[in-house]
């Protein structure tokens, strides 16, 4: 009976730690990170005919570089522009390493 209780306790502790590890925390970046990202995306090379809403998911590498994980857009020009101007670019005061950030962006008609 003692072995059964010990086995049950080990099973409960093991499964609870698995569920705790699978939790993904999506965080909004600090305002200073947002302003630096907006500066990098200031002048697109293509014409914007209507307002484009994009949700950007990114993290930071160990070197403090932005690593783009996902760009929620169907427009290939926007996708390529964001990847070229943000991916692996260093910014001042980067966020925490391996923490996943989401940030909504609006690209307006100039």
N, C-alpha and C. Protein backbone atom coordinates (compact mmCIF):
# COMPACT_ATOMS: atom_id res chain seq x y z
N UNK A 1 0.82 -1.19 0.00
CA UNK A 1 0.00 0.00 0.00
C UNK A 1 0.87 1.26 0.00
N UNK A 2 2.02 1.23 0.72
CA UNK A 2 2.90 2.39 0.76
C UNK A 2 3.49 2.66 -0.62
N UNK A 3 3.83 1.61 -1.36
CA UNK A 3 4.39 1.78 -2.70
C UNK A 3 3.35 2.40 -3.63
N UNK A 4 2.10 2.01 -3.48
CA UNK A 4 1.04 2.55 -4.31
C UNK A 4 0.85 4.05 -4.04
N UNK A 5 0.86 4.46 -2.78
CA UNK A 5 0.72 5.87 -2.42
C UNK A 5 1.91 6.68 -2.95
N UNK A 6 3.09 6.13 -2.82
CA UNK A 6 4.29 6.80 -3.30
C UNK A 6 4.26 6.96 -4.82
N UNK A 7 3.82 5.92 -5.50
CA UNK A 7 3.71 5.96 -6.95
C UNK A 7 2.66 6.99 -7.38
N UNK A 8 1.54 7.04 -6.70
CA UNK A 8 0.48 8.00 -7.01
C UNK A 8 0.98 9.43 -6.78
N UNK A 9 1.69 9.67 -5.70
CA UNK A 9 2.24 10.99 -5.41
C UNK A 9 3.24 11.42 -6.48
N UNK A 10 4.11 10.51 -6.89
CA UNK A 10 5.09 10.81 -7.93
C UNK A 10 4.40 11.13 -9.26
N UNK A 11 3.33 10.41 -9.55
CA UNK A 11 2.58 10.64 -10.78
C UNK A 11 1.92 12.02 -10.78
N UNK A 12 1.35 12.41 -9.66
CA UNK A 12 0.69 13.72 -9.55
C UNK A 12 1.71 14.84 -9.69
N UNK A 13 2.83 14.72 -9.03
CA UNK A 13 3.87 15.76 -9.10
C UNK A 13 4.44 15.85 -10.52
N UNK A 14 4.65 14.71 -11.14
CA UNK A 14 5.20 14.69 -12.51
C UNK A 14 4.26 15.33 -13.52
N UNK A 15 3.00 15.02 -13.45
CA UNK A 15 2.06 15.58 -14.43
C UNK A 15 1.80 17.06 -14.18
N UNK A 16 1.80 17.48 -12.93
CA UNK A 16 1.57 18.91 -12.66
C UNK A 16 2.73 19.75 -13.18
N UNK A 17 3.94 19.24 -13.11
CA UNK A 17 5.08 20.01 -13.63
C UNK A 17 5.05 20.06 -15.15
N UNK A 18 4.51 19.04 -15.81
CA UNK A 18 4.37 19.08 -17.26
C UNK A 18 3.40 20.15 -17.70
N UNK A 19 2.27 20.26 -17.00
CA UNK A 19 1.28 21.28 -17.35
C UNK A 19 1.82 22.68 -17.08
N UNK A 20 2.63 22.83 -16.08
CA UNK A 20 3.19 24.14 -15.77
C UNK A 20 4.20 24.57 -16.83
N UNK A 21 4.90 23.64 -17.44
CA UNK A 21 5.91 23.97 -18.44
C UNK A 21 5.30 24.34 -19.79
N UNK A 22 4.12 23.86 -20.12
CA UNK A 22 3.53 24.11 -21.42
C UNK A 22 2.85 25.46 -21.53
N UNK A 23 2.77 26.20 -20.48
CA UNK A 23 2.10 27.49 -20.49
C UNK A 23 2.95 28.51 -21.23
N UNK A 24 2.37 29.18 -22.23
CA UNK A 24 3.08 30.20 -22.97
C UNK A 24 2.58 31.56 -22.54
N UNK A 25 3.47 32.38 -22.12
CA UNK A 25 3.11 33.74 -21.71
C UNK A 25 3.39 34.69 -22.85
N UNK A 26 2.34 35.26 -23.41
CA UNK A 26 2.51 36.29 -24.43
C UNK A 26 2.41 37.63 -23.73
N UNK A 27 3.40 38.44 -23.89
CA UNK A 27 3.42 39.72 -23.19
C UNK A 27 3.51 40.86 -24.18
N UNK A 28 2.95 41.98 -23.79
CA UNK A 28 3.08 43.19 -24.60
C UNK A 28 4.43 43.81 -24.27
N UNK A 29 5.12 44.31 -25.30
CA UNK A 29 6.43 44.92 -25.03
C UNK A 29 6.29 46.26 -24.31
N UNK A 30 7.34 46.65 -23.64
CA UNK A 30 7.36 47.95 -22.97
C UNK A 30 7.31 49.05 -24.03
N UNK A 31 6.89 50.22 -23.62
CA UNK A 31 6.71 51.33 -24.57
C UNK A 31 8.02 51.72 -25.25
N UNK A 32 9.14 51.61 -24.55
CA UNK A 32 10.42 51.98 -25.17
C UNK A 32 10.81 50.98 -26.26
N UNK A 33 10.48 49.71 -26.07
CA UNK A 33 10.74 48.71 -27.11
C UNK A 33 9.85 48.99 -28.31
N UNK A 34 8.59 49.32 -28.04
CA UNK A 34 7.64 49.61 -29.12
C UNK A 34 8.09 50.81 -29.96
N UNK A 35 8.55 51.87 -29.30
CA UNK A 35 8.97 53.06 -30.05
C UNK A 35 10.20 52.77 -30.91
N UNK A 36 11.11 51.94 -30.42
CA UNK A 36 12.29 51.59 -31.20
C UNK A 36 11.91 50.74 -32.42
N UNK A 37 10.94 49.84 -32.24
CA UNK A 37 10.48 49.01 -33.36
C UNK A 37 9.77 49.88 -34.40
N UNK A 38 8.97 50.81 -33.94
CA UNK A 38 8.26 51.71 -34.86
C UNK A 38 9.25 52.55 -35.65
N UNK A 39 10.34 52.99 -35.02
CA UNK A 39 11.37 53.75 -35.73
C UNK A 39 12.02 52.93 -36.84
N UNK A 40 12.24 51.63 -36.56
CA UNK A 40 12.84 50.76 -37.58
C UNK A 40 11.89 50.54 -38.76
N UNK A 41 10.60 50.64 -38.52
CA UNK A 41 9.60 50.41 -39.57
C UNK A 41 9.04 51.71 -40.13
N UNK A 42 9.76 52.81 -40.00
CA UNK A 42 9.22 54.13 -40.32
C UNK A 42 8.87 54.32 -41.79
N UNK A 43 9.73 53.93 -42.70
CA UNK A 43 9.49 54.25 -44.11
C UNK A 43 9.47 52.98 -44.98
N UNK A 44 8.28 52.48 -45.29
CA UNK A 44 8.20 51.31 -46.18
C UNK A 44 8.54 51.68 -47.62
N UNK A 45 9.08 50.72 -48.36
CA UNK A 45 9.47 50.96 -49.75
C UNK A 45 8.28 50.79 -50.71
N UNK A 46 7.16 50.39 -50.21
CA UNK A 46 5.99 50.16 -51.06
C UNK A 46 4.88 51.12 -50.67
N UNK A 47 3.91 51.28 -51.58
CA UNK A 47 2.80 52.19 -51.34
C UNK A 47 1.72 51.49 -50.52
N UNK A 48 1.24 52.19 -49.52
CA UNK A 48 0.14 51.68 -48.70
C UNK A 48 -1.13 52.36 -49.18
N UNK A 49 -2.04 51.58 -49.73
CA UNK A 49 -3.27 52.14 -50.28
C UNK A 49 -4.40 52.21 -49.25
N UNK A 50 -4.35 51.33 -48.27
CA UNK A 50 -5.33 51.34 -47.19
C UNK A 50 -4.64 50.96 -45.89
N UNK A 51 -5.25 51.29 -44.78
CA UNK A 51 -4.65 50.99 -43.47
C UNK A 51 -4.51 49.48 -43.30
N UNK A 52 -3.34 49.04 -42.86
CA UNK A 52 -3.04 47.62 -42.68
C UNK A 52 -2.82 47.36 -41.19
N UNK A 53 -3.55 46.41 -40.64
CA UNK A 53 -3.36 45.99 -39.26
C UNK A 53 -2.58 44.70 -39.23
N UNK A 54 -1.51 44.68 -38.45
CA UNK A 54 -0.62 43.52 -38.37
C UNK A 54 -0.38 43.20 -36.90
N UNK A 55 -0.38 41.92 -36.57
CA UNK A 55 0.02 41.50 -35.23
C UNK A 55 1.38 40.82 -35.35
N UNK A 56 2.33 41.35 -34.62
CA UNK A 56 3.71 40.89 -34.67
C UNK A 56 4.02 40.08 -33.42
N UNK A 57 4.58 38.89 -33.60
CA UNK A 57 5.01 38.05 -32.48
C UNK A 57 6.52 37.90 -32.59
N UNK A 58 7.24 38.23 -31.51
CA UNK A 58 8.70 38.20 -31.56
C UNK A 58 9.27 37.88 -30.18
N UNK A 59 10.56 37.63 -30.18
CA UNK A 59 11.31 37.41 -28.95
C UNK A 59 12.68 38.04 -29.14
N UNK A 60 13.54 37.93 -28.15
CA UNK A 60 14.89 38.47 -28.24
C UNK A 60 15.90 37.34 -28.08
N UNK A 61 16.98 37.39 -28.84
CA UNK A 61 18.04 36.40 -28.75
C UNK A 61 18.97 36.74 -27.58
N UNK A 62 19.95 35.89 -27.37
CA UNK A 62 20.91 36.13 -26.28
C UNK A 62 21.79 37.35 -26.56
N UNK A 63 21.87 37.77 -27.82
CA UNK A 63 22.66 38.94 -28.19
C UNK A 63 21.83 40.23 -28.16
N UNK A 64 20.55 40.12 -27.79
CA UNK A 64 19.69 41.29 -27.74
C UNK A 64 19.08 41.65 -29.08
N UNK A 65 19.10 40.71 -30.02
CA UNK A 65 18.53 40.94 -31.34
C UNK A 65 17.07 40.52 -31.37
N UNK A 66 16.27 41.22 -32.16
CA UNK A 66 14.86 40.86 -32.34
C UNK A 66 14.79 39.63 -33.24
N UNK A 67 14.02 38.63 -32.81
CA UNK A 67 13.79 37.44 -33.62
C UNK A 67 12.29 37.37 -33.90
N UNK A 68 11.91 37.56 -35.17
CA UNK A 68 10.51 37.55 -35.57
C UNK A 68 10.03 36.10 -35.60
N UNK A 69 8.96 35.83 -34.87
CA UNK A 69 8.37 34.49 -34.85
C UNK A 69 7.18 34.38 -35.80
N UNK A 70 6.35 35.42 -35.84
CA UNK A 70 5.16 35.38 -36.68
C UNK A 70 4.73 36.80 -37.03
N UNK A 71 4.31 36.97 -38.27
CA UNK A 71 3.73 38.23 -38.72
C UNK A 71 2.35 37.86 -39.26
N UNK A 72 1.32 38.35 -38.58
CA UNK A 72 -0.05 38.01 -38.95
C UNK A 72 -0.54 38.95 -40.04
N UNK A 73 -0.14 38.64 -41.29
CA UNK A 73 -0.54 39.45 -42.43
C UNK A 73 -0.56 38.57 -43.67
N UNK A 74 -1.51 38.84 -44.55
CA UNK A 74 -1.59 38.11 -45.82
C UNK A 74 -0.83 38.82 -46.93
N UNK A 75 -0.43 40.04 -46.69
CA UNK A 75 0.27 40.85 -47.68
C UNK A 75 1.76 40.48 -47.66
N UNK A 76 2.26 39.96 -48.77
CA UNK A 76 3.66 39.51 -48.82
C UNK A 76 4.64 40.68 -48.74
N UNK A 77 4.27 41.86 -49.26
CA UNK A 77 5.15 43.02 -49.17
C UNK A 77 5.35 43.45 -47.72
N UNK A 78 4.26 43.45 -46.95
CA UNK A 78 4.34 43.81 -45.53
C UNK A 78 5.18 42.77 -44.78
N UNK A 79 4.95 41.52 -45.06
CA UNK A 79 5.69 40.43 -44.41
C UNK A 79 7.18 40.56 -44.67
N UNK A 80 7.56 40.75 -45.92
CA UNK A 80 8.98 40.88 -46.26
C UNK A 80 9.59 42.16 -45.68
N UNK A 81 8.85 43.26 -45.69
CA UNK A 81 9.33 44.52 -45.15
C UNK A 81 9.64 44.39 -43.66
N UNK A 82 8.72 43.79 -42.92
CA UNK A 82 8.92 43.64 -41.47
C UNK A 82 10.09 42.71 -41.18
N UNK A 83 10.17 41.62 -41.90
CA UNK A 83 11.29 40.68 -41.68
C UNK A 83 12.64 41.31 -42.01
N UNK A 84 12.71 42.06 -43.10
CA UNK A 84 13.98 42.68 -43.50
C UNK A 84 14.41 43.78 -42.53
N UNK A 85 13.45 44.53 -42.01
CA UNK A 85 13.80 45.68 -41.17
C UNK A 85 13.87 45.37 -39.68
N UNK A 86 13.35 44.24 -39.25
CA UNK A 86 13.37 43.92 -37.82
C UNK A 86 14.17 42.68 -37.47
N UNK A 87 14.07 41.64 -38.27
CA UNK A 87 14.68 40.37 -37.90
C UNK A 87 16.18 40.49 -37.72
N UNK A 88 16.67 40.12 -36.56
CA UNK A 88 18.09 40.13 -36.16
C UNK A 88 18.68 41.53 -36.10
N UNK A 89 17.87 42.54 -35.84
CA UNK A 89 18.37 43.89 -35.59
C UNK A 89 18.45 44.12 -34.09
N UNK A 90 19.53 44.73 -33.67
CA UNK A 90 19.68 45.05 -32.25
C UNK A 90 18.98 46.36 -31.94
N UNK A 91 18.40 46.43 -30.74
CA UNK A 91 17.82 47.68 -30.28
C UNK A 91 18.38 47.97 -28.89
N UNK A 92 18.26 49.22 -28.48
CA UNK A 92 18.69 49.59 -27.13
C UNK A 92 17.67 49.03 -26.14
N UNK A 93 18.11 48.58 -25.01
CA UNK A 93 17.25 48.04 -23.95
C UNK A 93 16.28 46.97 -24.45
N UNK A 94 16.81 45.85 -24.96
CA UNK A 94 15.90 44.80 -25.41
C UNK A 94 15.16 44.17 -24.24
N UNK A 95 14.12 43.43 -24.55
CA UNK A 95 13.35 42.73 -23.52
C UNK A 95 14.08 41.49 -23.05
N UNK A 96 13.37 40.69 -22.28
CA UNK A 96 13.97 39.47 -21.73
C UNK A 96 14.15 38.43 -22.82
N UNK A 97 15.23 37.69 -22.71
CA UNK A 97 15.55 36.63 -23.66
C UNK A 97 14.51 35.51 -23.56
N UNK A 98 14.10 34.96 -24.69
CA UNK A 98 13.19 33.82 -24.82
C UNK A 98 11.79 34.08 -24.30
N UNK A 99 11.44 35.31 -23.99
CA UNK A 99 10.07 35.65 -23.62
C UNK A 99 9.37 36.07 -24.90
N UNK A 100 8.16 35.58 -25.12
CA UNK A 100 7.45 35.86 -26.36
C UNK A 100 6.58 37.10 -26.18
N UNK A 101 6.76 38.06 -27.10
CA UNK A 101 6.03 39.32 -27.07
C UNK A 101 5.09 39.39 -28.27
N UNK A 102 3.93 40.00 -28.09
CA UNK A 102 3.03 40.29 -29.21
C UNK A 102 2.80 41.80 -29.24
N UNK A 103 2.72 42.32 -30.47
CA UNK A 103 2.54 43.76 -30.61
C UNK A 103 1.69 44.03 -31.85
N UNK A 104 0.57 44.74 -31.67
CA UNK A 104 -0.22 45.13 -32.84
C UNK A 104 0.40 46.35 -33.51
N UNK A 105 0.38 46.35 -34.84
CA UNK A 105 0.91 47.47 -35.61
C UNK A 105 -0.15 47.93 -36.61
N UNK A 106 -0.18 49.22 -36.85
CA UNK A 106 -1.03 49.80 -37.90
C UNK A 106 -0.13 50.52 -38.87
N UNK A 107 -0.26 50.16 -40.13
CA UNK A 107 0.48 50.85 -41.18
C UNK A 107 -0.53 51.72 -41.91
N UNK A 108 -0.34 53.04 -41.82
CA UNK A 108 -1.31 53.99 -42.35
C UNK A 108 -0.87 54.53 -43.71
N UNK A 109 -1.85 55.01 -44.45
CA UNK A 109 -1.60 55.64 -45.74
C UNK A 109 -0.85 56.95 -45.51
N UNK A 110 0.22 57.13 -46.26
CA UNK A 110 1.02 58.35 -46.08
C UNK A 110 0.54 59.47 -46.98
